[in-house]
Amino acid sequence: MTPEILQTLIDDATFDYTMGETEAALTKLAQATEAAPGSFEAWHALSEILFSLRRFDDALAAAERAHALQPQDLFINTTLSRIWMEKGDKATAEKYGAQAKVLGWKDQLKAPPGAAADGLN
Protein backbone atom coordinates (compact mmCIF):
# COMPACT_ATOMS: atom_id res chain seq x y z
CA MET A 1 0.00 0.00 0.00
CA THR A 2 1.46 3.35 -0.98
CA PRO A 3 1.66 6.15 1.58
CA GLU A 4 -0.90 8.11 -0.47
CA ILE A 5 -3.41 5.25 -0.51
CA LEU A 6 -2.85 4.67 3.21
CA GLN A 7 -3.47 8.34 4.01
CA THR A 8 -6.61 8.35 1.86
CA LEU A 9 -7.87 5.27 3.71
CA ILE A 10 -7.26 6.94 7.10
CA ASP A 11 -8.90 10.17 5.91
CA ASP A 12 -11.90 8.25 4.54
CA ALA A 13 -12.23 6.34 7.81
CA THR A 14 -12.16 9.58 9.78
CA PHE A 15 -14.80 11.07 7.50
CA ASP A 16 -16.95 7.94 7.82
CA TYR A 17 -16.77 8.20 11.58
CA THR A 18 -17.75 11.86 11.60
CA MET A 19 -20.73 10.98 9.39
CA GLY A 20 -21.88 8.30 11.82
CA GLU A 21 -20.61 5.36 9.78
CA THR A 22 -18.66 3.81 12.62
CA GLU A 23 -18.45 0.27 11.25
CA ALA A 24 -17.18 1.52 7.89
CA ALA A 25 -14.54 3.58 9.72
CA LEU A 26 -13.43 0.62 11.82
CA THR A 27 -13.25 -1.61 8.75
CA LYS A 28 -11.06 0.89 6.91
CA LEU A 29 -8.78 1.38 9.88
CA ALA A 30 -8.46 -2.38 10.35
CA GLN A 31 -7.43 -2.59 6.71
CA ALA A 32 -4.95 0.27 7.19
CA THR A 33 -3.34 -1.20 10.31
CA GLU A 34 -3.11 -4.64 8.72
CA ALA A 35 -1.55 -3.32 5.51
CA ALA A 36 0.71 -0.81 7.29
CA PRO A 37 1.33 -1.91 10.89
CA GLY A 38 3.94 0.82 11.18
CA SER A 39 1.42 3.59 10.55
CA PHE A 40 1.22 5.77 13.64
CA GLU A 41 -1.68 7.74 12.14
CA ALA A 42 -3.79 4.62 11.53
CA TRP A 43 -3.28 3.27 15.05
CA HIS A 44 -3.98 6.65 16.62
CA ALA A 45 -7.16 7.17 14.60
CA LEU A 46 -8.31 3.67 15.54
CA SER A 47 -7.62 4.30 19.22
CA GLU A 48 -9.63 7.53 19.19
CA ILE A 49 -12.64 5.92 17.52
CA LEU A 50 -12.55 2.94 19.86
CA PHE A 51 -12.25 5.31 22.82
CA SER A 52 -15.33 7.22 21.68
CA LEU A 53 -17.19 3.89 21.50
CA ARG A 54 -16.10 3.23 25.11
CA ARG A 55 -14.21 0.12 24.01
CA PHE A 56 -11.38 1.00 26.34
CA ASP A 57 -9.40 -2.24 26.18
CA ASP A 58 -9.36 -2.16 22.38
CA ALA A 59 -8.59 1.57 22.40
CA LEU A 60 -5.70 0.94 24.77
CA ALA A 61 -4.25 -1.78 22.55
CA ALA A 62 -4.38 0.52 19.51
CA ALA A 63 -2.99 3.48 21.45
CA GLU A 64 -0.12 1.40 22.77
CA ARG A 65 0.76 0.40 19.20
CA ALA A 66 0.76 4.06 18.17
CA HIS A 67 2.80 5.04 21.23
CA ALA A 68 5.41 2.37 20.46
CA LEU A 69 5.83 3.99 17.04
CA GLN A 70 6.00 7.61 18.26
CA PRO A 71 6.39 7.82 22.02
CA GLN A 72 7.21 11.54 21.88
CA ASP A 73 3.90 12.49 20.25
CA LEU A 74 1.89 14.87 22.42
CA PHE A 75 -1.48 13.61 21.22
CA ILE A 76 -0.94 9.89 21.73
CA ASN A 77 0.23 10.58 25.27
CA THR A 78 -2.97 12.57 25.83
CA THR A 79 -5.03 9.73 24.35
CA LEU A 80 -3.35 7.22 26.65
CA SER A 81 -4.00 9.47 29.64
CA ARG A 82 -7.70 9.66 28.77
CA ILE A 83 -7.97 5.91 28.27
CA TRP A 84 -6.25 5.08 31.55
CA MET A 85 -8.45 7.56 33.40
CA GLU A 86 -11.56 5.86 32.02
CA LYS A 87 -10.15 2.48 33.00
CA GLY A 88 -9.75 3.77 36.56
CA ASP A 89 -5.95 3.86 36.74
CA LYS A 90 -5.36 7.43 37.82
CA ALA A 91 -1.61 6.99 38.43
CA THR A 92 -0.96 5.73 34.91
CA ALA A 93 -3.27 8.39 33.49
CA GLU A 94 -1.30 11.07 35.32
CA LYS A 95 1.98 9.63 34.03
CA TYR A 96 0.86 10.00 30.41
CA GLY A 97 -0.77 13.35 31.15
CA ALA A 98 2.48 14.66 32.59
CA GLN A 99 4.38 13.40 29.55
CA ALA A 100 1.90 15.22 27.29
CA LYS A 101 2.42 18.44 29.26
CA VAL A 102 6.20 18.19 28.94
CA LEU A 103 5.89 17.57 25.21
CA GLY A 104 3.55 20.56 24.93
CA TRP A 105 6.03 22.77 26.73
CA LYS A 106 8.80 21.57 24.41
CA ASP A 107 6.65 22.55 21.43
CA GLN A 108 6.03 25.98 22.94
CA LEU A 109 9.74 26.50 23.47
CA LYS A 110 10.42 25.72 19.81
CA ALA A 111 8.03 28.45 18.62
CA PRO A 112 9.50 31.89 17.96
CA PRO A 113 8.85 34.41 20.77
CA GLY A 114 5.45 36.06 20.40
CA ALA A 115 4.35 33.73 17.58
CA ALA A 116 1.35 32.38 19.44
CA ALA A 117 0.31 35.82 20.64
CA ASP A 118 0.41 37.52 17.24
CA GLY A 119 -0.89 34.55 15.22
CA LEU A 120 1.94 34.75 12.69
CA ASN A 121 3.04 31.15 12.84
C-alpha atoms as a PDB file:
ATOM      1  CA  MET A   1       0.000   0.000   0.000  1.00  0.00           C
ATOM      2  CA  THR A   2       1.460   3.354  -0.985  1.00  0.00           C
ATOM      3  CA  PRO A   3       1.660   6.151   1.576  1.00  0.00           C
ATOM      4  CA  GLU A   4      -0.903   8.111  -0.467  1.00  0.00           C
ATOM      5  CA  ILE A   5      -3.406   5.250  -0.510  1.00  0.00           C
ATOM      6  CA  LEU A   6      -2.848   4.674   3.209  1.00  0.00           C
ATOM      7  CA  GLN A   7      -3.475   8.344   4.010  1.00  0.00           C
ATOM      8  CA  THR A   8      -6.612   8.346   1.857  1.00  0.00           C
ATOM      9  CA  LEU A   9      -7.873   5.274   3.710  1.00  0.00           C
ATOM     10  CA  ILE A  10      -7.261   6.937   7.096  1.00  0.00           C
ATOM     11  CA  ASP A  11      -8.905  10.169   5.914  1.00  0.00           C
ATOM     12  CA  ASP A  12     -11.896   8.247   4.541  1.00  0.00           C
ATOM     13  CA  ALA A  13     -12.232   6.339   7.814  1.00  0.00           C
ATOM     14  CA  THR A  14     -12.156   9.580   9.778  1.00  0.00           C
ATOM     15  CA  PHE A  15     -14.803  11.066   7.500  1.00  0.00           C
ATOM     16  CA  ASP A  16     -16.951   7.941   7.817  1.00  0.00           C
ATOM     17  CA  TYR A  17     -16.765   8.196  11.585  1.00  0.00           C
ATOM     18  CA  THR A  18     -17.751  11.859  11.600  1.00  0.00           C
ATOM     19  CA  MET A  19     -20.726  10.980   9.391  1.00  0.00           C
ATOM     20  CA  GLY A  20     -21.878   8.297  11.823  1.00  0.00           C
ATOM     21  CA  GLU A  21     -20.613   5.358   9.777  1.00  0.00           C
ATOM     22  CA  THR A  22     -18.657   3.809  12.622  1.00  0.00           C
ATOM     23  CA  GLU A  23     -18.451   0.272  11.246  1.00  0.00           C
ATOM     24  CA  ALA A  24     -17.177   1.520   7.890  1.00  0.00           C
ATOM     25  CA  ALA A  25     -14.543   3.578   9.719  1.00  0.00           C
ATOM     26  CA  LEU A  26     -13.429   0.624  11.823  1.00  0.00           C
ATOM     27  CA  THR A  27     -13.251  -1.613   8.753  1.00  0.00           C
ATOM     28  CA  LYS A  28     -11.062   0.891   6.909  1.00  0.00           C
ATOM     29  CA  LEU A  29      -8.776   1.379   9.880  1.00  0.00           C
ATOM     30  CA  ALA A  30      -8.461  -2.381  10.355  1.00  0.00           C
ATOM     31  CA  GLN A  31      -7.433  -2.592   6.711  1.00  0.00           C
ATOM     32  CA  ALA A  32      -4.951   0.266   7.191  1.00  0.00           C
ATOM     33  CA  THR A  33      -3.341  -1.197  10.309  1.00  0.00           C
ATOM     34  CA  GLU A  34      -3.111  -4.639   8.716  1.00  0.00           C
ATOM     35  CA  ALA A  35      -1.550  -3.317   5.513  1.00  0.00           C
ATOM     36  CA  ALA A  36       0.706  -0.814   7.286  1.00  0.00           C
ATOM     37  CA  PRO A  37       1.328  -1.910  10.895  1.00  0.00           C
ATOM     38  CA  GLY A  38       3.944   0.824  11.180  1.00  0.00           C
ATOM     39  CA  SER A  39       1.420   3.591  10.548  1.00  0.00           C
ATOM     40  CA  PHE A  40       1.217   5.765  13.637  1.00  0.00           C
ATOM     41  CA  GLU A  41      -1.677   7.738  12.139  1.00  0.00           C
ATOM     42  CA  ALA A  42      -3.787   4.618  11.526  1.00  0.00           C
ATOM     43  CA  TRP A  43      -3.278   3.266  15.047  1.00  0.00           C
ATOM     44  CA  HIS A  44      -3.977   6.646  16.625  1.00  0.00           C
ATOM     45  CA  ALA A  45      -7.164   7.171  14.601  1.00  0.00           C
ATOM     46  CA  LEU A  46      -8.307   3.669  15.540  1.00  0.00           C
ATOM     47  CA  SER A  47      -7.624   4.299  19.223  1.00  0.00           C
ATOM     48  CA  GLU A  48      -9.631   7.528  19.186  1.00  0.00           C
ATOM     49  CA  ILE A  49     -12.642   5.924  17.520  1.00  0.00           C
ATOM     50  CA  LEU A  50     -12.551   2.937  19.861  1.00  0.00           C
ATOM     51  CA  PHE A  51     -12.251   5.315  22.819  1.00  0.00           C
ATOM     52  CA  SER A  52     -15.329   7.215  21.677  1.00  0.00           C
ATOM     53  CA  LEU A  53     -17.194   3.887  21.503  1.00  0.00           C
ATOM     54  CA  ARG A  54     -16.101   3.230  25.107  1.00  0.00           C
ATOM     55  CA  ARG A  55     -14.207   0.116  24.012  1.00  0.00           C
ATOM     56  CA  PHE A  56     -11.376   1.004  26.341  1.00  0.00           C
ATOM     57  CA  ASP A  57      -9.395  -2.237  26.183  1.00  0.00           C
ATOM     58  CA  ASP A  58      -9.360  -2.157  22.379  1.00  0.00           C
ATOM     59  CA  ALA A  59      -8.591   1.570  22.399  1.00  0.00           C
ATOM     60  CA  LEU A  60      -5.696   0.940  24.775  1.00  0.00           C
ATOM     61  CA  ALA A  61      -4.250  -1.779  22.554  1.00  0.00           C
ATOM     62  CA  ALA A  62      -4.376   0.516  19.509  1.00  0.00           C
ATOM     63  CA  ALA A  63      -2.992   3.481  21.452  1.00  0.00           C
ATOM     64  CA  GLU A  64      -0.116   1.397  22.775  1.00  0.00           C
ATOM     65  CA  ARG A  65       0.759   0.397  19.202  1.00  0.00           C
ATOM     66  CA  ALA A  66       0.762   4.060  18.175  1.00  0.00           C
ATOM     67  CA  HIS A  67       2.801   5.041  21.230  1.00  0.00           C
ATOM     68  CA  ALA A  68       5.407   2.374  20.459  1.00  0.00           C
ATOM     69  CA  LEU A  69       5.835   3.993  17.037  1.00  0.00           C
ATOM     70  CA  GLN A  70       5.998   7.608  18.255  1.00  0.00           C
ATOM     71  CA  PRO A  71       6.393   7.821  22.021  1.00  0.00           C
ATOM     72  CA  GLN A  72       7.212  11.542  21.879  1.00  0.00           C
ATOM     73  CA  ASP A  73       3.899  12.491  20.255  1.00  0.00           C
ATOM     74  CA  LEU A  74       1.889  14.868  22.418  1.00  0.00           C
ATOM     75  CA  PHE A  75      -1.479  13.613  21.220  1.00  0.00           C
ATOM     76  CA  ILE A  76      -0.941   9.889  21.729  1.00  0.00           C
ATOM     77  CA  ASN A  77       0.229  10.580  25.274  1.00  0.00           C
ATOM     78  CA  THR A  78      -2.970  12.574  25.825  1.00  0.00           C
ATOM     79  CA  THR A  79      -5.029   9.734  24.355  1.00  0.00           C
ATOM     80  CA  LEU A  80      -3.349   7.216  26.651  1.00  0.00           C
ATOM     81  CA  SER A  81      -3.996   9.466  29.637  1.00  0.00           C
ATOM     82  CA  ARG A  82      -7.700   9.663  28.773  1.00  0.00           C
ATOM     83  CA  ILE A  83      -7.974   5.908  28.267  1.00  0.00           C
ATOM     84  CA  TRP A  84      -6.252   5.076  31.554  1.00  0.00           C
ATOM     85  CA  MET A  85      -8.450   7.559  33.396  1.00  0.00           C
ATOM     86  CA  GLU A  86     -11.560   5.860  32.017  1.00  0.00           C
ATOM     87  CA  LYS A  87     -10.149   2.478  33.002  1.00  0.00           C
ATOM     88  CA  GLY A  88      -9.747   3.774  36.564  1.00  0.00           C
ATOM     89  CA  ASP A  89      -5.949   3.857  36.741  1.00  0.00           C
ATOM     90  CA  LYS A  90      -5.356   7.434  37.820  1.00  0.00           C
ATOM     91  CA  ALA A  91      -1.609   6.990  38.432  1.00  0.00           C
ATOM     92  CA  THR A  92      -0.959   5.726  34.910  1.00  0.00           C
ATOM     93  CA  ALA A  93      -3.270   8.385  33.489  1.00  0.00           C
ATOM     94  CA  GLU A  94      -1.303  11.067  35.320  1.00  0.00           C
ATOM     95  CA  LYS A  95       1.982   9.633  34.029  1.00  0.00           C
ATOM     96  CA  TYR A  96       0.857  10.001  30.414  1.00  0.00           C
ATOM     97  CA  GLY A  97      -0.771  13.354  31.152  1.00  0.00           C
ATOM     98  CA  ALA A  98       2.483  14.661  32.586  1.00  0.00           C
ATOM     99  CA  GLN A  99       4.380  13.399  29.547  1.00  0.00           C
ATOM    100  CA  ALA A 100       1.896  15.215  27.294  1.00  0.00           C
ATOM    101  CA  LYS A 101       2.417  18.444  29.262  1.00  0.00           C
ATOM    102  CA  VAL A 102       6.197  18.185  28.945  1.00  0.00           C
ATOM    103  CA  LEU A 103       5.893  17.572  25.206  1.00  0.00           C
ATOM    104  CA  GLY A 104       3.546  20.557  24.928  1.00  0.00           C
ATOM    105  CA  TRP A 105       6.034  22.766  26.729  1.00  0.00           C
ATOM    106  CA  LYS A 106       8.799  21.575  24.407  1.00  0.00           C
ATOM    107  CA  ASP A 107       6.654  22.552  21.427  1.00  0.00           C
ATOM    108  CA  GLN A 108       6.031  25.978  22.935  1.00  0.00           C
ATOM    109  CA  LEU A 109       9.744  26.503  23.474  1.00  0.00           C
ATOM    110  CA  LYS A 110      10.421  25.723  19.811  1.00  0.00           C
ATOM    111  CA  ALA A 111       8.033  28.448  18.619  1.00  0.00           C
ATOM    112  CA  PRO A 112       9.499  31.888  17.963  1.00  0.00           C
ATOM    113  CA  PRO A 113       8.850  34.412  20.768  1.00  0.00           C
ATOM    114  CA  GLY A 114       5.453  36.056  20.397  1.00  0.00           C
ATOM    115  CA  ALA A 115       4.353  33.725  17.578  1.00  0.00           C
ATOM    116  CA  ALA A 116       1.348  32.378  19.439  1.00  0.00           C
ATOM    117  CA  ALA A 117       0.311  35.822  20.636  1.00  0.00           C
ATOM    118  CA  ASP A 118       0.406  37.517  17.244  1.00  0.00           C
ATOM    119  CA  GLY A 119      -0.889  34.545  15.217  1.00  0.00           C
ATOM    120  CA  LEU A 120       1.943  34.745  12.695  1.00  0.00           C
ATOM    121  CA  ASN A 121       3.040  31.151  12.841  1.00  0.00           C
END
